[in-house]
Amino acid sequence: MPTILSAVTKTGNLRVLAARFSIGFFLYWILVTQACALTFVLPPPGSDIVGHVQWVQALPGDTFNKIGRRYDMGYFELVEANPMIDPLHPRPGSIVVIPSRFILPPGPRHGLVINLAELRIYYYPPQRHVVISFPVGIGREGWDTPLGPSWIAEKMRNPTWIVPESIRNDRAKDGINLPAKVPPGPDNPLGGYAMRLKQATYLIHGTNDSQGVGRRSSAGCIRLFPEDIESLFSEVSIKEKLAIIDAPYKFGWDKQQLYLEAHAPLQRLSLARRITMEEKLIRANGAKAAKIQWQSVERIARQENGIPQVVAYSERPITPNLPRAHLKIKMKKKSKKIN
């Protein structure tokens, strides 16, 4: 049987073998890190940002749904970050931004957090210094996913879908007659795994149609890619706490810089909501005494591209006395529903 040593002797070129090993290890590393690309080590105290933005080339026959599945990104996340690219027919070779850098959502870093405006779930596993994040589909307009605290009440493998009467009646208007129950299998929209919330009619579940992930596509439940729900299902325990929030604007620090991450709001923002955004920004500034660049804040809020961008630099460690500067932003509601 040939050995590594004999292979080196025959080729007479140790550098070639080393280069091949390095390339093989590099490809293995790429596969492993991409598979775990949305599991991040938590940032140190005082920091709030994880991940890195990526740039990839569209392949022949690609769509944003296919690219999103490869990089664990939601459809609308890619639409926000790539407004000039056709999501159904990206030109092969064109550069697609993967917005895989995130400001962690506000609130305690434990349990599950779903940010509806971001169409993303975050999970902080106990006893592990990491955060795991997945794109989600949420309730479409008129079937809103409820806000507030909750917890995991039940876990089900190969669930049977007990179709709510409200959904059956709604689909009947379109001439579609749904059965009272849908057994496990390829026709079950819950997919292979489901976790029931304390609000018994709402679930976190898989899907038999991945195009609904990253959009407002459900009757109020939270849906994930099949591989993501399988992973999350194995991690989460019964009674795991869950917070469902609606935060289109997230603020956070990375070293001495304050960042803003803006997403298209689910609903049109009132003046009071815009003022609340300013107040959150000022509170995020806290004792780091940064001079906020309000023009940058307005520009980023208008762009709504979901990528954290700098809006202030820390100057001195004292609480600032910042003047109010109302943002004159005309917010428009963007559709995140499935086509």
Protein backbone atom coordinates (compact mmCIF):
# COMPACT_ATOMS: atom_id res chain seq x y z
CA MET A 1 0.00 0.00 0.00
CA PRO A 2 1.52 3.36 -0.94
CA THR A 3 2.31 5.70 1.92
CA ILE A 4 2.63 9.45 2.15
CA LEU A 5 6.40 9.03 2.32
CA SER A 6 6.49 6.91 -0.84
CA ALA A 7 4.26 9.41 -2.58
CA VAL A 8 6.67 12.16 -1.67
CA THR A 9 9.60 10.05 -2.84
CA LYS A 10 7.95 9.31 -6.17
CA THR A 11 7.06 12.89 -6.89
CA GLY A 12 10.20 14.22 -5.41
CA ASN A 13 8.28 17.32 -4.52
CA LEU A 14 7.27 17.77 -0.90
CA ARG A 15 6.00 21.25 -1.68
CA VAL A 16 3.42 19.87 -4.11
CA LEU A 17 2.08 17.47 -1.49
CA ALA A 18 2.03 20.20 1.13
CA ALA A 19 0.22 22.52 -1.25
CA ARG A 20 -2.37 19.85 -2.02
CA PHE A 21 -2.88 19.19 1.68
CA SER A 22 -3.25 22.91 2.34
CA ILE A 23 -5.81 23.30 -0.44
CA GLY A 24 -7.74 20.27 0.79
CA PHE A 25 -7.73 21.55 4.36
CA PHE A 26 -8.78 25.00 3.17
CA LEU A 27 -11.74 23.54 1.25
CA TYR A 28 -12.69 21.47 4.29
CA TRP A 29 -12.47 24.58 6.46
CA ILE A 30 -14.70 26.48 4.05
CA LEU A 31 -17.32 23.73 4.15
CA VAL A 32 -17.25 23.51 7.94
CA THR A 33 -17.35 27.26 8.53
CA GLN A 34 -20.06 27.76 5.94
CA ALA A 35 -22.14 25.01 7.56
CA CYS A 36 -21.73 26.79 10.90
CA ALA A 37 -21.62 30.28 9.39
CA LEU A 38 -24.51 31.59 11.48
CA THR A 39 -23.23 30.34 14.81
CA PHE A 40 -21.21 33.14 16.37
CA VAL A 41 -19.12 33.52 19.49
CA LEU A 42 -20.76 36.19 21.63
CA PRO A 43 -18.97 39.54 21.56
CA PRO A 44 -17.21 40.81 24.70
CA PRO A 45 -19.08 42.99 27.22
CA GLY A 46 -19.87 46.39 25.74
CA SER A 47 -19.99 45.04 22.18
CA ASP A 48 -23.12 44.04 20.28
CA ILE A 49 -22.10 42.93 16.76
CA VAL A 50 -21.41 39.47 15.35
CA GLY A 51 -20.57 38.11 11.92
CA HIS A 52 -19.21 39.60 8.70
CA VAL A 53 -20.71 40.77 5.44
CA GLN A 54 -19.89 38.41 2.54
CA TRP A 55 -19.79 38.93 -1.22
CA VAL A 56 -20.50 35.96 -3.48
CA GLN A 57 -21.02 35.37 -7.19
CA ALA A 58 -24.42 34.34 -8.51
CA LEU A 59 -24.36 30.99 -10.30
CA PRO A 60 -26.23 30.13 -13.50
CA GLY A 61 -29.87 29.47 -12.67
CA ASP A 62 -29.61 31.13 -9.27
CA THR A 63 -32.44 32.94 -7.52
CA PHE A 64 -32.41 34.73 -4.17
CA ASN A 65 -34.27 31.74 -2.74
CA LYS A 66 -31.46 29.40 -3.81
CA ILE A 67 -28.71 31.75 -2.63
CA GLY A 68 -30.51 32.27 0.66
CA ARG A 69 -30.74 28.53 1.21
CA ARG A 70 -26.98 28.13 0.60
CA TYR A 71 -25.99 30.88 3.04
CA ASP A 72 -28.86 30.57 5.54
CA MET A 73 -30.29 33.97 4.64
CA GLY A 74 -33.91 34.95 4.17
CA TYR A 75 -35.32 36.10 0.84
CA PHE A 76 -36.12 39.63 1.97
CA GLU A 77 -32.74 40.03 3.68
CA LEU A 78 -31.13 39.54 0.26
CA VAL A 79 -33.64 41.88 -1.40
CA GLU A 80 -32.84 44.62 1.13
CA ALA A 81 -29.07 44.23 0.73
CA ASN A 82 -29.17 43.96 -3.10
CA PRO A 83 -31.81 46.42 -4.32
CA MET A 84 -30.36 46.64 -7.85
CA ILE A 85 -30.38 42.88 -8.53
CA ASP A 86 -33.35 40.95 -9.91
CA PRO A 87 -34.11 38.39 -7.16
CA LEU A 88 -35.59 35.93 -9.65
CA HIS A 89 -32.88 36.21 -12.31
CA PRO A 90 -29.57 37.46 -10.90
CA ARG A 91 -27.05 37.63 -13.72
CA PRO A 92 -24.51 34.77 -13.47
CA GLY A 93 -21.25 36.14 -12.12
CA SER A 94 -22.87 39.20 -10.57
CA ILE A 95 -21.80 40.03 -7.01
CA VAL A 96 -24.46 39.40 -4.38
CA VAL A 97 -24.11 40.87 -0.89
CA ILE A 98 -24.75 38.37 1.92
CA PRO A 99 -25.70 40.57 4.91
CA SER A 100 -24.43 38.12 7.53
CA ARG A 101 -23.31 40.75 10.02
CA PHE A 102 -25.81 41.50 12.76
CA ILE A 103 -26.39 43.78 15.70
CA LEU A 104 -27.75 41.50 18.40
CA PRO A 105 -31.38 42.32 19.24
CA PRO A 106 -32.10 44.43 22.33
CA GLY A 107 -32.82 42.68 25.60
CA PRO A 108 -31.27 39.86 27.62
CA ARG A 109 -29.05 37.43 25.75
CA HIS A 110 -30.65 34.16 26.71
CA GLY A 111 -33.31 31.87 25.31
CA LEU A 112 -34.95 32.63 21.97
CA VAL A 113 -35.54 36.05 20.41
CA ILE A 114 -37.52 36.57 17.21
CA ASN A 115 -37.28 40.01 15.58
CA LEU A 116 -40.25 40.21 13.22
CA ALA A 117 -39.00 43.27 11.33
CA GLU A 118 -35.72 41.47 10.70
CA LEU A 119 -37.38 38.15 9.82
CA ARG A 120 -34.79 36.37 11.95
CA ILE A 121 -34.56 34.29 15.11
CA TYR A 122 -31.67 34.30 17.60
CA TYR A 123 -30.96 31.53 20.08
CA TYR A 124 -28.58 31.79 23.05
CA PRO A 125 -27.88 28.21 24.20
CA PRO A 126 -27.35 27.82 27.96
CA GLN A 127 -23.82 27.08 29.12
CA ARG A 128 -22.40 28.07 25.72
CA HIS A 129 -20.91 31.44 24.86
CA VAL A 130 -22.47 31.58 21.39
CA VAL A 131 -25.53 32.84 19.54
CA ILE A 132 -27.20 30.86 16.74
CA SER A 133 -29.33 32.65 14.17
CA PHE A 134 -31.72 31.54 11.42
CA PRO A 135 -33.99 33.33 8.92
CA VAL A 136 -37.71 32.87 9.48
CA GLY A 137 -41.02 33.34 7.74
CA ILE A 138 -43.69 35.11 9.80
CA GLY A 139 -47.38 35.96 9.67
CA ARG A 140 -48.58 37.76 6.57
CA GLU A 141 -50.64 40.94 6.75
CA GLY A 142 -53.87 40.30 8.59
CA TRP A 143 -52.40 37.16 10.17
CA ASP A 144 -49.75 38.84 12.30
CA THR A 145 -47.38 36.88 14.51
CA PRO A 146 -48.11 38.01 18.10
CA LEU A 147 -45.59 40.12 19.97
CA GLY A 148 -44.49 39.61 23.55
CA PRO A 149 -43.03 36.96 25.86
CA SER A 150 -43.71 33.28 25.38
CA TRP A 151 -42.07 29.90 25.86
CA ILE A 152 -41.83 26.48 24.24
CA ALA A 153 -44.74 24.38 25.50
CA GLU A 154 -44.39 21.26 23.35
CA LYS A 155 -41.99 19.65 20.86
CA MET A 156 -43.25 17.38 18.07
CA ARG A 157 -41.43 15.23 15.50
CA ASN A 158 -43.32 14.51 12.30
CA PRO A 159 -46.27 16.61 13.45
CA THR A 160 -49.82 16.26 12.21
CA TRP A 161 -51.22 19.63 11.16
CA ILE A 162 -54.57 20.25 12.84
CA VAL A 163 -55.86 22.89 10.46
CA PRO A 164 -57.50 25.80 12.34
CA GLU A 165 -61.03 26.57 11.24
CA SER A 166 -60.02 30.18 10.52
CA ILE A 167 -57.46 28.99 7.95
CA ARG A 168 -59.88 26.52 6.40
CA ASN A 169 -62.49 29.26 6.01
CA ASP A 170 -59.94 31.68 4.55
CA ARG A 171 -58.69 29.19 1.95
CA ALA A 172 -62.25 28.22 1.08
CA LYS A 173 -62.75 31.78 -0.19
CA ASP A 174 -60.18 30.94 -2.88
CA GLY A 175 -61.89 27.68 -3.70
CA ILE A 176 -59.39 25.55 -1.76
CA ASN A 177 -60.92 23.04 0.63
CA LEU A 178 -58.43 22.01 3.29
CA PRO A 179 -58.94 18.86 5.37
CA ALA A 180 -59.31 19.04 9.14
CA LYS A 181 -55.98 17.22 9.53
CA VAL A 182 -52.87 16.83 7.38
CA PRO A 183 -50.72 13.81 8.33
CA PRO A 184 -46.91 13.86 8.34
CA GLY A 185 -45.37 13.77 4.90
CA PRO A 186 -44.38 15.94 1.93
CA ASP A 187 -47.78 17.68 1.80
CA ASN A 188 -47.60 18.82 5.42
CA PRO A 189 -46.65 22.53 5.61
CA LEU A 190 -45.26 22.05 9.13
CA GLY A 191 -42.38 19.98 7.79
CA GLY A 192 -40.67 17.41 9.98
CA TYR A 193 -40.48 19.32 13.27
CA ALA A 194 -42.68 21.71 15.23
CA MET A 195 -42.53 23.46 18.60
CA ARG A 196 -45.74 24.76 20.11
CA LEU A 197 -45.70 28.09 21.94
CA LYS A 198 -47.65 28.90 25.10
CA GLN A 199 -50.16 30.53 22.72
CA ALA A 200 -51.36 27.10 21.63
CA THR A 201 -52.33 28.02 18.07
CA TYR A 202 -48.83 29.28 17.21
CA LEU A 203 -45.86 27.10 16.28
CA ILE A 204 -42.21 27.35 15.33
CA HIS A 205 -41.96 24.75 12.58
CA GLY A 206 -40.32 23.61 9.37
CA THR A 207 -41.85 23.85 5.92
CA ASN A 208 -42.48 21.97 2.71
CA ASP A 209 -42.02 25.21 0.75
CA SER A 210 -38.74 26.96 1.52
CA GLN A 211 -39.73 30.01 -0.56
CA GLY A 212 -41.78 31.22 2.42
CA VAL A 213 -38.71 31.62 4.63
CA GLY A 214 -37.59 35.23 4.93
CA ARG A 215 -41.03 36.59 4.02
CA ARG A 216 -44.41 37.35 5.53
CA SER A 217 -45.88 34.08 4.36
CA SER A 218 -47.67 32.25 7.17
CA ALA A 219 -50.93 32.43 9.11
CA GLY A 220 -49.00 33.66 12.16
CA CYS A 221 -46.61 30.78 12.83
CA ILE A 222 -42.83 31.01 12.48
CA ARG A 223 -41.36 28.80 9.76
CA LEU A 224 -37.72 27.82 9.15
CA PHE A 225 -35.77 25.97 6.49
CA PRO A 226 -36.02 22.18 7.08
CA GLU A 227 -32.35 21.88 8.07
CA ASP A 228 -32.62 24.88 10.41
CA ILE A 229 -35.67 23.67 12.32
CA GLU A 230 -34.01 20.26 12.72
CA SER A 231 -30.96 21.94 14.23
CA LEU A 232 -32.97 24.28 16.47
CA PHE A 233 -35.31 21.47 17.56
CA SER A 234 -32.33 19.47 18.82
CA GLU A 235 -31.01 22.44 20.80
CA VAL A 236 -34.13 23.90 22.42
CA SER A 237 -35.76 22.48 25.55
CA ILE A 238 -39.35 22.52 26.77
CA LYS A 239 -40.10 25.75 28.70
CA GLU A 240 -37.32 27.60 26.85
CA LYS A 241 -38.17 31.28 27.08
CA LEU A 242 -38.99 33.23 23.92
CA ALA A 243 -39.33 36.95 23.23
CA ILE A 244 -41.03 38.12 20.03
CA ILE A 245 -40.14 41.74 19.23
CA ASP A 246 -40.58 44.21 16.38
CA ALA A 247 -37.34 46.20 16.07
CA PRO A 248 -36.72 47.55 12.56
CA TYR A 249 -33.87 49.69 13.94
CA LYS A 250 -31.13 48.11 16.04
CA PHE A 251 -28.27 50.00 17.65
CA GLY A 252 -25.06 48.54 18.98
CA TRP A 253 -21.40 49.11 19.71
CA ASP A 254 -18.32 47.53 18.20
CA LYS A 255 -15.22 48.77 19.98
CA GLN A 256 -15.46 52.57 19.88
CA GLN A 257 -18.04 52.83 17.10
CA LEU A 258 -21.83 53.00 17.38
CA TYR A 259 -23.74 51.24 14.58
CA LEU A 260 -27.27 51.41 13.23
CA GLU A 261 -28.90 48.48 11.41
CA ALA A 262 -32.13 49.43 9.60
CA HIS A 263 -34.81 47.18 8.13
CA ALA A 264 -38.04 47.97 6.33
CA PRO A 265 -40.71 48.32 9.04
CA LEU A 266 -43.66 45.96 8.92
CA GLN A 267 -46.01 48.93 9.31
CA ARG A 268 -45.82 52.60 8.43
CA LEU A 269 -44.02 54.46 11.22
CA SER A 270 -45.72 57.27 13.09
CA LEU A 271 -43.88 60.37 14.30
CA ALA A 272 -43.93 58.91 17.81
CA ARG A 273 -42.22 55.74 16.56
CA ARG A 274 -39.53 57.77 14.80
CA ILE A 275 -38.90 59.79 17.96
CA THR A 276 -38.63 56.50 19.86
CA MET A 277 -35.89 55.48 17.45
CA GLU A 278 -33.96 58.64 18.31
CA GLU A 279 -34.38 58.00 22.01
CA LYS A 280 -33.06 54.46 21.62
CA LEU A 281 -30.07 55.77 19.71
CA ILE A 282 -29.31 58.28 22.44
CA ARG A 283 -29.64 55.60 25.12
CA ALA A 284 -27.39 53.28 23.10
CA ASN A 285 -24.84 56.08 23.04
CA GLY A 286 -24.95 55.94 26.84
CA ALA A 287 -21.83 56.90 28.71
CA LYS A 288 -19.46 56.56 25.75
CA ALA A 289 -20.00 60.20 24.75
CA ALA A 290 -20.10 59.82 21.00
CA LYS A 291 -21.09 62.55 18.59
CA ILE A 292 -23.98 61.14 16.58
CA GLN A 293 -23.88 61.81 12.84
CA TRP A 294 -27.58 62.49 12.31
CA GLN A 295 -27.27 62.74 8.54
CA SER A 296 -25.85 59.22 8.51
CA VAL A 297 -28.72 58.06 10.71
CA GLU A 298 -31.24 59.47 8.26
CA ARG A 299 -29.44 58.00 5.23
CA ILE A 300 -29.20 54.53 6.78
CA ALA A 301 -32.82 54.62 7.91
CA ARG A 302 -33.85 55.46 4.35
CA GLN A 303 -31.68 52.74 2.80
CA GLU A 304 -33.11 49.95 4.98
CA ASN A 305 -30.46 47.54 3.70
CA GLY A 306 -30.11 45.52 6.91
CA ILE A 307 -26.34 46.06 7.18
CA PRO A 308 -24.89 47.64 10.36
CA GLN A 309 -23.27 51.00 9.56
CA VAL A 310 -21.40 53.50 11.72
CA VAL A 311 -23.33 56.52 13.02
CA ALA A 312 -21.05 57.68 15.84
CA TYR A 313 -17.53 57.42 17.23
CA SER A 314 -16.79 57.38 20.94
CA GLU A 315 -15.05 60.50 22.19
CA ARG A 316 -14.86 60.36 25.99
CA PRO A 317 -16.35 58.18 28.75
CA ILE A 318 -19.00 60.56 30.06
CA THR A 319 -22.74 60.76 29.55
CA PRO A 320 -23.42 63.20 26.72
CA ASN A 321 -25.96 65.97 26.68
CA LEU A 322 -27.27 65.49 23.17
CA PRO A 323 -29.73 67.90 21.55
CA ARG A 324 -32.85 66.44 20.00
CA ALA A 325 -32.68 66.18 16.25
CA HIS A 326 -35.93 64.92 14.79
CA LEU A 327 -35.50 62.71 11.76
CA LYS A 328 -37.50 63.92 8.80
CA ILE A 329 -37.92 60.50 7.27
CA LYS A 330 -40.99 59.52 5.34
CA MET A 331 -41.21 55.84 6.13
CA LYS A 332 -43.02 53.59 3.70
CA LYS A 333 -44.19 50.09 4.34
CA LYS A 334 -42.49 47.45 2.22
CA SER A 335 -44.13 44.18 1.35
CA LYS A 336 -42.36 41.17 2.79
CA LYS A 337 -45.09 38.81 1.72
CA ILE A 338 -44.65 35.80 -0.49
CA ASN A 339 -45.57 36.21 -4.13
